[in-house]
Amino acid sequence: MKSASPSAPAWGDGSSDAAAVLRALNGMLEAGYGPLALARLGEAVGSDVPYCVLGGTALAEGRGERLTALSVPDAVPHRALQTRLFSISTPELFHRIDQVKLHFHPDTPGVIQALEQGDLPGVSRRMFNVFEEVLPSPRRAVVEEIKQAMLSQGALGACMSGTGPTVFGIFAGETEAEAAWRSLKESYDETFLTHSV
């Protein structure tokens, strides 16, 4: 599941940079690619590039390049907090995940149903990232510490994004999100307060 807000740095990092370059070149060269064609072109660059070209809320399958747009009711505003922690090798995590039996998985059908019903707490309760299981122990501890800090400040749910290093929390209200942001930014410089648009 992918979702992004344009009011903060995108979680895709290099993928979002690549998507921005593709869009810029498309315009500068008057190449005439539509969004879907540009997203397909982006597949050759990286698995997350198609999503970063199209944006919105989508179910990502395959390597992350097969996207199905999901409808999110207007009645589901939220505030999100993103904290970047450390650099991490995506290939290393994929290698690690291939070597272990995973104990937990996200409830993707449940998340989709909750999204369609406008049930933000239901979405938040069902979030899980399998890559958290295979992080090296010191990094897993840091991710868990940040998640618990967000939850203690009123987050409905908290999770690592993709293969990291970003951890995000979802808040129903601005007051709780801002309190968590003020608390976390004292320890982590790259902490961003965002909202759905």
N, C-alpha and C. Protein backbone atom coordinates (compact mmCIF):
# COMPACT_ATOMS: atom_id res chain seq x y z
N MET A 1 0.85 -1.17 0.00
CA MET A 1 0.00 0.00 0.00
C MET A 1 0.89 1.23 0.00
N LYS A 2 0.56 2.16 -0.88
CA LYS A 2 1.37 3.38 -0.93
C LYS A 2 0.44 4.58 -0.89
N SER A 3 0.88 5.60 -0.16
CA SER A 3 0.15 6.85 -0.11
C SER A 3 1.15 7.94 0.20
N ALA A 4 0.95 9.10 -0.38
CA ALA A 4 1.92 10.18 -0.16
C ALA A 4 1.22 11.52 -0.08
N SER A 5 1.89 12.43 0.58
CA SER A 5 1.43 13.80 0.67
C SER A 5 2.46 14.71 0.03
N PRO A 6 2.03 15.66 -0.81
CA PRO A 6 3.01 16.55 -1.44
C PRO A 6 3.56 17.61 -0.52
N SER A 7 3.11 17.63 0.74
CA SER A 7 3.56 18.69 1.63
C SER A 7 4.84 18.33 2.38
N ALA A 8 5.42 17.18 2.09
CA ALA A 8 6.68 16.78 2.73
C ALA A 8 7.49 15.98 1.75
N PRO A 9 8.78 15.75 2.05
CA PRO A 9 9.59 14.95 1.14
C PRO A 9 8.95 13.59 0.90
N ALA A 10 8.98 13.12 -0.33
CA ALA A 10 8.40 11.83 -0.65
C ALA A 10 9.19 10.71 -0.02
N TRP A 11 8.49 9.61 0.30
CA TRP A 11 9.14 8.48 0.95
C TRP A 11 10.01 7.71 -0.02
N GLY A 12 9.86 7.94 -1.32
CA GLY A 12 10.58 7.15 -2.31
C GLY A 12 12.02 7.57 -2.51
N ASP A 13 12.45 8.70 -1.94
CA ASP A 13 13.82 9.18 -2.06
C ASP A 13 14.30 9.18 -3.50
N GLY A 14 15.22 8.26 -3.87
CA GLY A 14 15.76 8.24 -5.23
C GLY A 14 14.69 8.02 -6.28
N SER A 15 13.67 7.23 -5.95
CA SER A 15 12.59 6.98 -6.90
C SER A 15 11.80 8.25 -7.19
N SER A 16 11.57 9.05 -6.14
CA SER A 16 10.84 10.30 -6.36
C SER A 16 11.68 11.28 -7.17
N ASP A 17 12.99 11.26 -6.95
CA ASP A 17 13.88 12.10 -7.76
C ASP A 17 13.82 11.68 -9.23
N ALA A 18 13.86 10.36 -9.46
CA ALA A 18 13.81 9.86 -10.84
C ALA A 18 12.48 10.23 -11.50
N ALA A 19 11.38 10.13 -10.75
CA ALA A 19 10.08 10.49 -11.30
C ALA A 19 10.04 11.99 -11.66
N ALA A 20 10.64 12.82 -10.80
CA ALA A 20 10.67 14.26 -11.07
C ALA A 20 11.47 14.55 -12.34
N VAL A 21 12.58 13.84 -12.53
CA VAL A 21 13.40 14.03 -13.74
C VAL A 21 12.61 13.61 -14.97
N LEU A 22 11.92 12.47 -14.89
CA LEU A 22 11.12 12.01 -16.03
C LEU A 22 10.04 13.04 -16.39
N ARG A 23 9.35 13.54 -15.38
CA ARG A 23 8.30 14.54 -15.66
C ARG A 23 8.89 15.81 -16.26
N ALA A 24 10.04 16.24 -15.71
CA ALA A 24 10.67 17.45 -16.22
C ALA A 24 11.12 17.28 -17.67
N LEU A 25 11.77 16.14 -17.97
CA LEU A 25 12.22 15.89 -19.34
C LEU A 25 11.04 15.78 -20.30
N ASN A 26 9.98 15.14 -19.84
CA ASN A 26 8.78 15.00 -20.66
C ASN A 26 8.24 16.37 -21.08
N GLY A 27 8.26 17.31 -20.12
CA GLY A 27 7.79 18.65 -20.43
C GLY A 27 8.77 19.45 -21.26
N MET A 28 10.06 19.41 -20.89
CA MET A 28 11.07 20.20 -21.58
C MET A 28 11.24 19.77 -23.04
N LEU A 29 11.18 18.46 -23.25
CA LEU A 29 11.38 17.93 -24.61
C LEU A 29 10.07 17.82 -25.38
N GLU A 30 8.97 18.18 -24.71
CA GLU A 30 7.64 18.05 -25.31
C GLU A 30 7.45 16.66 -25.90
N ALA A 31 7.82 15.65 -25.10
CA ALA A 31 7.77 14.26 -25.55
C ALA A 31 6.35 13.73 -25.66
N GLY A 32 5.43 14.31 -24.92
CA GLY A 32 4.02 13.94 -25.07
C GLY A 32 3.59 12.69 -24.33
N TYR A 33 4.41 12.19 -23.41
CA TYR A 33 3.99 11.01 -22.64
C TYR A 33 2.89 11.41 -21.67
N GLY A 34 1.81 10.62 -21.62
CA GLY A 34 0.79 10.79 -20.60
C GLY A 34 1.28 10.16 -19.30
N PRO A 35 0.55 10.38 -18.18
CA PRO A 35 0.99 9.85 -16.89
C PRO A 35 1.23 8.34 -16.89
N LEU A 36 0.32 7.57 -17.47
CA LEU A 36 0.48 6.11 -17.45
C LEU A 36 1.67 5.66 -18.28
N ALA A 37 1.86 6.28 -19.45
CA ALA A 37 3.00 5.92 -20.30
C ALA A 37 4.31 6.31 -19.62
N LEU A 38 4.31 7.46 -18.94
CA LEU A 38 5.51 7.90 -18.23
C LEU A 38 5.81 6.96 -17.06
N ALA A 39 4.75 6.49 -16.39
CA ALA A 39 4.93 5.53 -15.30
C ALA A 39 5.53 4.23 -15.82
N ARG A 40 5.06 3.75 -16.97
CA ARG A 40 5.61 2.52 -17.55
C ARG A 40 7.08 2.71 -17.91
N LEU A 41 7.42 3.88 -18.42
CA LEU A 41 8.81 4.18 -18.73
C LEU A 41 9.65 4.14 -17.45
N GLY A 42 9.08 4.61 -16.36
CA GLY A 42 9.78 4.64 -15.09
C GLY A 42 10.10 3.27 -14.52
N GLU A 43 9.37 2.22 -14.96
CA GLU A 43 9.63 0.86 -14.47
C GLU A 43 11.07 0.43 -14.74
N ALA A 44 11.62 0.91 -15.86
CA ALA A 44 12.99 0.53 -16.21
C ALA A 44 14.01 1.19 -15.28
N VAL A 45 13.59 2.23 -14.59
CA VAL A 45 14.49 2.97 -13.70
C VAL A 45 14.46 2.39 -12.29
N GLY A 46 13.27 2.06 -11.80
CA GLY A 46 13.14 1.53 -10.45
C GLY A 46 11.71 1.14 -10.15
N SER A 47 11.53 0.19 -9.24
CA SER A 47 10.21 -0.36 -8.95
C SER A 47 9.23 0.67 -8.38
N ASP A 48 9.74 1.65 -7.63
CA ASP A 48 8.85 2.65 -7.02
C ASP A 48 8.61 3.86 -7.90
N VAL A 49 9.32 3.94 -9.01
CA VAL A 49 9.20 5.13 -9.86
C VAL A 49 7.78 5.30 -10.43
N PRO A 50 7.13 4.22 -10.91
CA PRO A 50 5.76 4.41 -11.42
C PRO A 50 4.83 5.05 -10.38
N TYR A 51 4.94 4.59 -9.13
CA TYR A 51 4.10 5.19 -8.10
C TYR A 51 4.44 6.66 -7.91
N CYS A 52 5.72 6.98 -7.90
CA CYS A 52 6.14 8.37 -7.68
C CYS A 52 5.73 9.27 -8.85
N VAL A 53 5.55 8.69 -10.03
CA VAL A 53 5.04 9.46 -11.17
C VAL A 53 3.55 9.73 -10.97
N LEU A 54 2.80 8.70 -10.54
CA LEU A 54 1.34 8.81 -10.49
C LEU A 54 0.82 9.36 -9.17
N GLY A 55 1.46 8.99 -8.03
CA GLY A 55 1.03 9.47 -6.72
C GLY A 55 -0.32 8.92 -6.30
N GLY A 56 -0.93 9.58 -5.33
CA GLY A 56 -2.23 9.15 -4.83
C GLY A 56 -2.11 8.01 -3.83
N THR A 57 -3.20 7.29 -3.65
CA THR A 57 -3.22 6.11 -2.79
C THR A 57 -3.44 4.90 -3.68
N ALA A 58 -2.57 3.91 -3.57
CA ALA A 58 -2.63 2.78 -4.49
C ALA A 58 -2.16 1.50 -3.83
N LEU A 59 -2.69 0.38 -4.33
CA LEU A 59 -2.19 -0.93 -3.96
C LEU A 59 -1.05 -1.25 -4.93
N ALA A 60 0.13 -1.54 -4.38
CA ALA A 60 1.30 -1.86 -5.20
C ALA A 60 1.55 -3.36 -5.13
N GLU A 61 1.70 -3.99 -6.29
CA GLU A 61 1.96 -5.42 -6.35
C GLU A 61 3.15 -5.68 -7.24
N GLY A 62 3.54 -6.96 -7.36
CA GLY A 62 4.74 -7.29 -8.12
C GLY A 62 5.94 -6.78 -7.35
N ARG A 63 6.80 -6.07 -8.03
CA ARG A 63 7.95 -5.45 -7.37
C ARG A 63 7.59 -4.09 -6.80
N GLY A 64 6.31 -3.73 -6.92
CA GLY A 64 5.85 -2.41 -6.51
C GLY A 64 5.44 -1.58 -7.71
N GLU A 65 5.65 -2.13 -8.92
CA GLU A 65 5.38 -1.38 -10.15
C GLU A 65 3.95 -1.56 -10.66
N ARG A 66 3.24 -2.60 -10.19
CA ARG A 66 1.85 -2.82 -10.62
C ARG A 66 0.93 -2.12 -9.63
N LEU A 67 0.27 -1.07 -10.11
CA LEU A 67 -0.49 -0.20 -9.22
C LEU A 67 -1.98 -0.26 -9.52
N THR A 68 -2.77 -0.31 -8.46
CA THR A 68 -4.22 -0.20 -8.57
C THR A 68 -4.64 0.97 -7.70
N ALA A 69 -5.19 2.01 -8.33
CA ALA A 69 -5.61 3.20 -7.57
C ALA A 69 -6.73 2.82 -6.61
N LEU A 70 -6.68 3.36 -5.40
CA LEU A 70 -7.70 3.11 -4.39
C LEU A 70 -8.44 4.40 -4.08
N SER A 71 -9.72 4.26 -3.85
CA SER A 71 -10.54 5.43 -3.55
C SER A 71 -10.54 5.68 -2.04
N VAL A 72 -10.19 6.88 -1.67
CA VAL A 72 -10.19 7.27 -0.25
C VAL A 72 -11.22 8.37 -0.07
N PRO A 73 -12.23 8.15 0.78
CA PRO A 73 -13.27 9.18 0.97
C PRO A 73 -12.68 10.50 1.45
N ASP A 74 -13.31 11.59 1.03
CA ASP A 74 -12.86 12.92 1.47
C ASP A 74 -12.95 13.06 2.98
N ALA A 75 -13.77 12.22 3.61
CA ALA A 75 -13.98 12.34 5.05
C ALA A 75 -12.86 11.69 5.86
N VAL A 76 -11.75 11.37 5.23
CA VAL A 76 -10.65 10.73 5.96
C VAL A 76 -9.42 11.63 5.96
N PRO A 77 -9.53 12.85 6.51
CA PRO A 77 -8.33 13.67 6.65
C PRO A 77 -7.45 13.08 7.74
N HIS A 78 -6.17 13.30 7.64
CA HIS A 78 -5.29 12.81 8.70
C HIS A 78 -4.02 13.64 8.70
N ARG A 79 -3.31 13.52 9.80
CA ARG A 79 -1.99 14.11 9.91
C ARG A 79 -1.01 12.96 10.02
N ALA A 80 0.10 13.06 9.34
CA ALA A 80 1.11 12.01 9.40
C ALA A 80 2.44 12.60 9.82
N LEU A 81 3.19 11.82 10.53
CA LEU A 81 4.51 12.23 10.99
C LEU A 81 5.52 11.27 10.39
N GLN A 82 6.55 11.81 9.75
CA GLN A 82 7.59 10.99 9.14
C GLN A 82 8.93 11.31 9.81
N THR A 83 9.65 10.28 10.18
CA THR A 83 10.98 10.46 10.78
C THR A 83 11.97 9.56 10.07
N ARG A 84 13.02 10.18 9.51
CA ARG A 84 14.08 9.42 8.87
C ARG A 84 15.13 9.09 9.93
N LEU A 85 15.63 7.85 9.86
CA LEU A 85 16.48 7.39 10.95
C LEU A 85 17.92 7.12 10.55
N PHE A 86 18.14 6.33 9.52
CA PHE A 86 19.47 5.86 9.18
C PHE A 86 19.45 5.40 7.73
N SER A 87 20.62 5.22 7.15
CA SER A 87 20.68 4.68 5.79
C SER A 87 20.63 3.16 5.89
N ILE A 88 20.06 2.55 4.87
CA ILE A 88 19.95 1.09 4.87
C ILE A 88 19.98 0.58 3.44
N SER A 89 20.56 -0.58 3.25
CA SER A 89 20.68 -1.17 1.92
C SER A 89 19.42 -1.96 1.58
N THR A 90 18.68 -1.50 0.56
CA THR A 90 17.49 -2.23 0.13
C THR A 90 17.83 -3.64 -0.35
N PRO A 91 18.87 -3.84 -1.19
CA PRO A 91 19.21 -5.22 -1.59
C PRO A 91 19.52 -6.11 -0.40
N GLU A 92 20.18 -5.55 0.63
CA GLU A 92 20.50 -6.34 1.83
C GLU A 92 19.22 -6.84 2.50
N LEU A 93 18.23 -5.95 2.62
CA LEU A 93 16.98 -6.36 3.28
C LEU A 93 16.23 -7.40 2.45
N PHE A 94 16.23 -7.24 1.13
CA PHE A 94 15.58 -8.25 0.28
C PHE A 94 16.29 -9.60 0.43
N HIS A 95 17.61 -9.59 0.53
CA HIS A 95 18.35 -10.83 0.73
C HIS A 95 17.97 -11.46 2.08
N ARG A 96 17.88 -10.62 3.12
CA ARG A 96 17.53 -11.12 4.44
C ARG A 96 16.13 -11.72 4.45
N ILE A 97 15.19 -11.06 3.76
CA ILE A 97 13.80 -11.52 3.80
C ILE A 97 13.64 -12.85 3.07
N ASP A 98 14.52 -13.10 2.10
CA ASP A 98 14.48 -14.39 1.38
C ASP A 98 15.01 -15.54 2.23
N GLN A 99 15.70 -15.23 3.32
CA GLN A 99 16.36 -16.26 4.13
C GLN A 99 15.56 -16.68 5.37
N VAL A 100 14.43 -16.03 5.63
CA VAL A 100 13.71 -16.30 6.87
C VAL A 100 12.24 -16.63 6.60
N LYS A 101 11.62 -17.26 7.58
CA LYS A 101 10.18 -17.46 7.55
C LYS A 101 9.54 -16.30 8.29
N LEU A 102 8.69 -15.56 7.61
CA LEU A 102 8.06 -14.40 8.21
C LEU A 102 6.92 -14.83 9.12
N HIS A 103 6.81 -14.18 10.27
CA HIS A 103 5.78 -14.54 11.24
C HIS A 103 4.51 -13.72 11.11
N PHE A 104 4.61 -12.53 10.56
CA PHE A 104 3.45 -11.65 10.46
C PHE A 104 3.39 -11.05 9.05
N HIS A 105 2.19 -10.70 8.64
CA HIS A 105 1.97 -10.06 7.34
C HIS A 105 0.92 -8.97 7.52
N PRO A 106 0.95 -7.95 6.67
CA PRO A 106 -0.10 -6.92 6.76
C PRO A 106 -1.43 -7.50 6.29
N ASP A 107 -2.51 -6.97 6.82
CA ASP A 107 -3.85 -7.36 6.41
C ASP A 107 -4.28 -6.47 5.25
N THR A 108 -3.76 -6.76 4.06
CA THR A 108 -4.02 -5.89 2.91
C THR A 108 -5.52 -5.81 2.56
N PRO A 109 -6.25 -6.94 2.47
CA PRO A 109 -7.70 -6.81 2.19
C PRO A 109 -8.41 -5.98 3.25
N GLY A 110 -8.01 -6.16 4.52
CA GLY A 110 -8.64 -5.38 5.59
C GLY A 110 -8.33 -3.90 5.49
N VAL A 111 -7.10 -3.57 5.09
CA VAL A 111 -6.72 -2.16 4.91
C VAL A 111 -7.55 -1.54 3.79
N ILE A 112 -7.67 -2.26 2.68
CA ILE A 112 -8.45 -1.74 1.55
C ILE A 112 -9.91 -1.52 1.94
N GLN A 113 -10.48 -2.49 2.65
CA GLN A 113 -11.88 -2.35 3.08
C GLN A 113 -12.04 -1.16 4.02
N ALA A 114 -11.10 -1.01 4.96
CA ALA A 114 -11.17 0.11 5.89
C ALA A 114 -11.03 1.45 5.17
N LEU A 115 -10.14 1.50 4.17
CA LEU A 115 -10.00 2.72 3.36
C LEU A 115 -11.30 3.08 2.68
N GLU A 116 -11.92 2.07 2.06
CA GLU A 116 -13.17 2.32 1.33
C GLU A 116 -14.29 2.78 2.26
N GLN A 117 -14.23 2.35 3.52
CA GLN A 117 -15.25 2.73 4.49
C GLN A 117 -14.91 4.03 5.22
N GLY A 118 -13.74 4.60 4.91
CA GLY A 118 -13.32 5.82 5.59
C GLY A 118 -12.95 5.59 7.04
N ASP A 119 -12.50 4.37 7.36
CA ASP A 119 -12.19 3.98 8.73
C ASP A 119 -10.68 4.09 8.97
N LEU A 120 -10.23 5.28 9.33
CA LEU A 120 -8.80 5.52 9.53
C LEU A 120 -8.22 4.70 10.69
N PRO A 121 -8.91 4.59 11.84
CA PRO A 121 -8.38 3.70 12.88
C PRO A 121 -8.25 2.25 12.40
N GLY A 122 -9.22 1.79 11.58
CA GLY A 122 -9.15 0.44 11.04
C GLY A 122 -7.96 0.24 10.13
N VAL A 123 -7.65 1.25 9.32
CA VAL A 123 -6.46 1.19 8.47
C VAL A 123 -5.21 1.10 9.35
N SER A 124 -5.15 1.96 10.34
CA SER A 124 -3.96 2.07 11.19
C SER A 124 -3.69 0.79 11.98
N ARG A 125 -4.77 0.13 12.44
CA ARG A 125 -4.60 -1.11 13.21
C ARG A 125 -4.07 -2.25 12.36
N ARG A 126 -4.27 -2.19 11.05
CA ARG A 126 -3.91 -3.30 10.18
C ARG A 126 -2.56 -3.13 9.49
N MET A 127 -1.88 -2.03 9.73
CA MET A 127 -0.60 -1.78 9.08
C MET A 127 0.48 -2.68 9.66
N PHE A 128 1.32 -3.20 8.79
CA PHE A 128 2.50 -3.94 9.23
C PHE A 128 3.48 -4.00 8.07
N ASN A 129 4.74 -3.92 8.38
CA ASN A 129 5.78 -3.96 7.35
C ASN A 129 6.70 -5.16 7.63
N VAL A 130 6.70 -6.13 6.72
CA VAL A 130 7.50 -7.34 6.93
C VAL A 130 8.99 -7.05 7.01
N PHE A 131 9.44 -5.95 6.42
CA PHE A 131 10.87 -5.64 6.46
C PHE A 131 11.35 -5.28 7.86
N GLU A 132 10.43 -4.88 8.73
CA GLU A 132 10.84 -4.59 10.11
C GLU A 132 11.39 -5.84 10.79
N GLU A 133 10.86 -7.01 10.41
CA GLU A 133 11.30 -8.28 11.01
C GLU A 133 12.76 -8.60 10.69
N VAL A 134 13.25 -8.12 9.55
CA VAL A 134 14.59 -8.53 9.12
C VAL A 134 15.63 -7.42 9.25
N LEU A 135 15.26 -6.32 9.87
CA LEU A 135 16.25 -5.28 10.14
C LEU A 135 17.31 -5.83 11.09
N PRO A 136 18.56 -5.39 10.93
CA PRO A 136 19.56 -5.72 11.96
C PRO A 136 19.07 -5.26 13.33
N SER A 137 19.36 -6.01 14.36
CA SER A 137 18.78 -5.77 15.69
C SER A 137 18.88 -4.33 16.19
N PRO A 138 20.05 -3.66 16.09
CA PRO A 138 20.10 -2.27 16.60
C PRO A 138 19.14 -1.34 15.85
N ARG A 139 19.01 -1.55 14.55
CA ARG A 139 18.11 -0.68 13.78
C ARG A 139 16.66 -1.02 14.06
N ARG A 140 16.37 -2.30 14.24
CA ARG A 140 15.01 -2.69 14.58
C ARG A 140 14.59 -2.06 15.91
N ALA A 141 15.52 -2.00 16.83
CA ALA A 141 15.23 -1.39 18.14
C ALA A 141 14.93 0.10 18.00
N VAL A 142 15.66 0.78 17.13
CA VAL A 142 15.41 2.21 16.92
C VAL A 142 14.04 2.43 16.28
N VAL A 143 13.72 1.62 15.27
CA VAL A 143 12.41 1.73 14.62
C VAL A 143 11.30 1.51 15.65
N GLU A 144 11.45 0.49 16.48
CA GLU A 144 10.43 0.20 17.49
C GLU A 144 10.32 1.34 18.50
N GLU A 145 11.45 1.93 18.85
CA GLU A 145 11.44 3.07 19.79
C GLU A 145 10.65 4.24 19.21
N ILE A 146 10.87 4.54 17.93
CA ILE A 146 10.15 5.64 17.29
C ILE A 146 8.66 5.33 17.19
N LYS A 147 8.34 4.10 16.81
CA LYS A 147 6.93 3.71 16.72
C LYS A 147 6.24 3.87 18.06
N GLN A 148 6.89 3.40 19.12
CA GLN A 148 6.28 3.50 20.45
C GLN A 148 6.14 4.96 20.88
N ALA A 149 7.11 5.80 20.51
CA ALA A 149 7.02 7.22 20.84
C ALA A 149 5.81 7.85 20.15
N MET A 150 5.60 7.50 18.89
CA MET A 150 4.44 8.03 18.15
C MET A 150 3.13 7.53 18.77
N LEU A 151 3.08 6.24 19.09
CA LEU A 151 1.86 5.67 19.67
C LEU A 151 1.56 6.30 21.02
N SER A 152 2.59 6.56 21.81
CA SER A 152 2.38 7.16 23.13
C SER A 152 1.89 8.60 23.02
N GLN A 153 2.14 9.22 21.86
CA GLN A 153 1.69 10.59 21.62
C GLN A 153 0.33 10.62 20.93
N GLY A 154 -0.30 9.46 20.77
CA GLY A 154 -1.66 9.43 20.23
C GLY A 154 -1.79 8.95 18.80
N ALA A 155 -0.72 8.43 18.20
CA ALA A 155 -0.84 7.90 16.84
C ALA A 155 -1.81 6.73 16.83
N LEU A 156 -2.63 6.67 15.79
CA LEU A 156 -3.54 5.54 15.61
C LEU A 156 -2.78 4.30 15.20
N GLY A 157 -1.64 4.49 14.55
CA GLY A 157 -0.78 3.40 14.13
C GLY A 157 0.55 3.98 13.69
N ALA A 158 1.59 3.15 13.70
CA ALA A 158 2.92 3.59 13.27
C ALA A 158 3.61 2.41 12.61
N CYS A 159 4.43 2.71 11.60
CA CYS A 159 5.01 1.64 10.79
C CYS A 159 6.24 2.18 10.05
N MET A 160 7.16 1.29 9.72
CA MET A 160 8.26 1.68 8.84
C MET A 160 7.74 1.71 7.41
N SER A 161 8.20 2.64 6.63
CA SER A 161 7.78 2.76 5.23
C SER A 161 8.75 2.01 4.33
N GLY A 162 8.23 1.09 3.51
CA GLY A 162 9.07 0.35 2.57
C GLY A 162 10.21 -0.36 3.26
N THR A 163 11.41 -0.23 2.70
CA THR A 163 12.58 -0.83 3.33
C THR A 163 13.29 0.16 4.25
N GLY A 164 12.60 1.23 4.60
CA GLY A 164 13.16 2.22 5.50
C GLY A 164 13.97 3.26 4.71
N PRO A 165 14.53 4.20 5.43
CA PRO A 165 14.62 4.29 6.88
C PRO A 165 13.48 5.07 7.53
N THR A 166 12.48 5.50 6.75
CA THR A 166 11.44 6.35 7.30
C THR A 166 10.43 5.55 8.12
N VAL A 167 10.06 6.10 9.27
CA VAL A 167 8.97 5.59 10.09
C VAL A 167 7.87 6.65 10.05
N PHE A 168 6.63 6.21 9.91
CA PHE A 168 5.53 7.18 9.88
C PHE A 168 4.47 6.79 10.90
N GLY A 169 3.77 7.79 11.38
CA GLY A 169 2.63 7.58 12.27
C GLY A 169 1.44 8.30 11.70
N ILE A 170 0.26 7.73 11.91
CA ILE A 170 -0.98 8.34 11.43
C ILE A 170 -1.77 8.83 12.63
N PHE A 171 -2.21 10.09 12.57
CA PHE A 171 -2.94 10.72 13.66
C PHE A 171 -4.28 11.23 13.15
N ALA A 172 -5.31 11.09 13.96
CA ALA A 172 -6.62 11.57 13.57
C ALA A 172 -6.73 13.08 13.72
N GLY A 173 -5.93 13.64 14.63
CA GLY A 173 -6.06 15.07 14.90
C GLY A 173 -4.74 15.80 14.83
N GLU A 174 -4.84 17.10 14.60
CA GLU A 174 -3.65 17.94 14.47
C GLU A 174 -2.93 18.11 15.80
N THR A 175 -3.69 18.18 16.90
CA THR A 175 -3.08 18.41 18.20
C THR A 175 -2.10 17.31 18.56
N GLU A 176 -2.54 16.05 18.40
CA GLU A 176 -1.67 14.92 18.74
C GLU A 176 -0.46 14.86 17.81
N ALA A 177 -0.69 15.10 16.52
CA ALA A 177 0.40 15.04 15.55
C ALA A 177 1.46 16.10 15.85
N GLU A 178 1.01 17.31 16.16
CA GLU A 178 1.96 18.39 16.44
C GLU A 178 2.73 18.12 17.74
N ALA A 179 2.06 17.54 18.75
CA ALA A 179 2.75 17.23 20.01
C ALA A 179 3.83 16.18 19.76
N ALA A 180 3.51 15.16 18.96
CA ALA A 180 4.50 14.13 18.64
C ALA A 180 5.64 14.71 17.83
N TRP A 181 5.33 15.58 16.89
CA TRP A 181 6.35 16.21 16.05
C TRP A 181 7.32 17.02 16.91
N ARG A 182 6.77 17.83 17.82
CA ARG A 182 7.63 18.64 18.69
C ARG A 182 8.53 17.76 19.54
N SER A 183 7.98 16.66 20.04
CA SER A 183 8.77 15.77 20.89
C SER A 183 9.87 15.07 20.10
N LEU A 184 9.53 14.52 18.93
CA LEU A 184 10.49 13.72 18.17
C LEU A 184 11.56 14.56 17.49
N LYS A 185 11.21 15.78 17.08
CA LYS A 185 12.20 16.57 16.35
C LYS A 185 13.36 17.01 17.24
N GLU A 186 13.17 16.91 18.57
CA GLU A 186 14.28 17.23 19.48
C GLU A 186 15.39 16.18 19.38
N SER A 187 15.01 14.97 19.02
CA SER A 187 15.99 13.88 18.91
C SER A 187 16.35 13.52 17.48
N TYR A 188 15.43 13.79 16.55
CA TYR A 188 15.63 13.40 15.15
C TYR A 188 15.39 14.61 14.26
N ASP A 189 16.48 15.09 13.63
CA ASP A 189 16.39 16.31 12.82
C ASP A 189 15.38 16.17 11.68
N GLU A 190 15.39 15.02 11.02
CA GLU A 190 14.54 14.86 9.84
C GLU A 190 13.19 14.28 10.23
N THR A 191 12.41 15.09 10.93
CA THR A 191 11.05 14.73 11.32
C THR A 191 10.10 15.74 10.69
N PHE A 192 9.11 15.24 9.97
CA PHE A 192 8.23 16.11 9.18
C PHE A 192 6.77 15.88 9.55
N LEU A 193 6.02 16.95 9.67
CA LEU A 193 4.60 16.89 9.92
C LEU A 193 3.88 17.11 8.58
N THR A 194 3.01 16.17 8.21
CA THR A 194 2.33 16.27 6.92
C THR A 194 0.83 16.10 7.13
N HIS A 195 0.07 16.31 6.07
CA HIS A 195 -1.37 16.06 6.13
C HIS A 195 -1.87 15.63 4.77
N SER A 196 -3.00 14.95 4.79
CA SER A 196 -3.59 14.51 3.53
C SER A 196 -4.17 15.71 2.80
N VAL A 197 -4.19 15.63 1.46
CA VAL A 197 -4.74 16.72 0.66
C VAL A 197 -5.72 16.15 -0.35
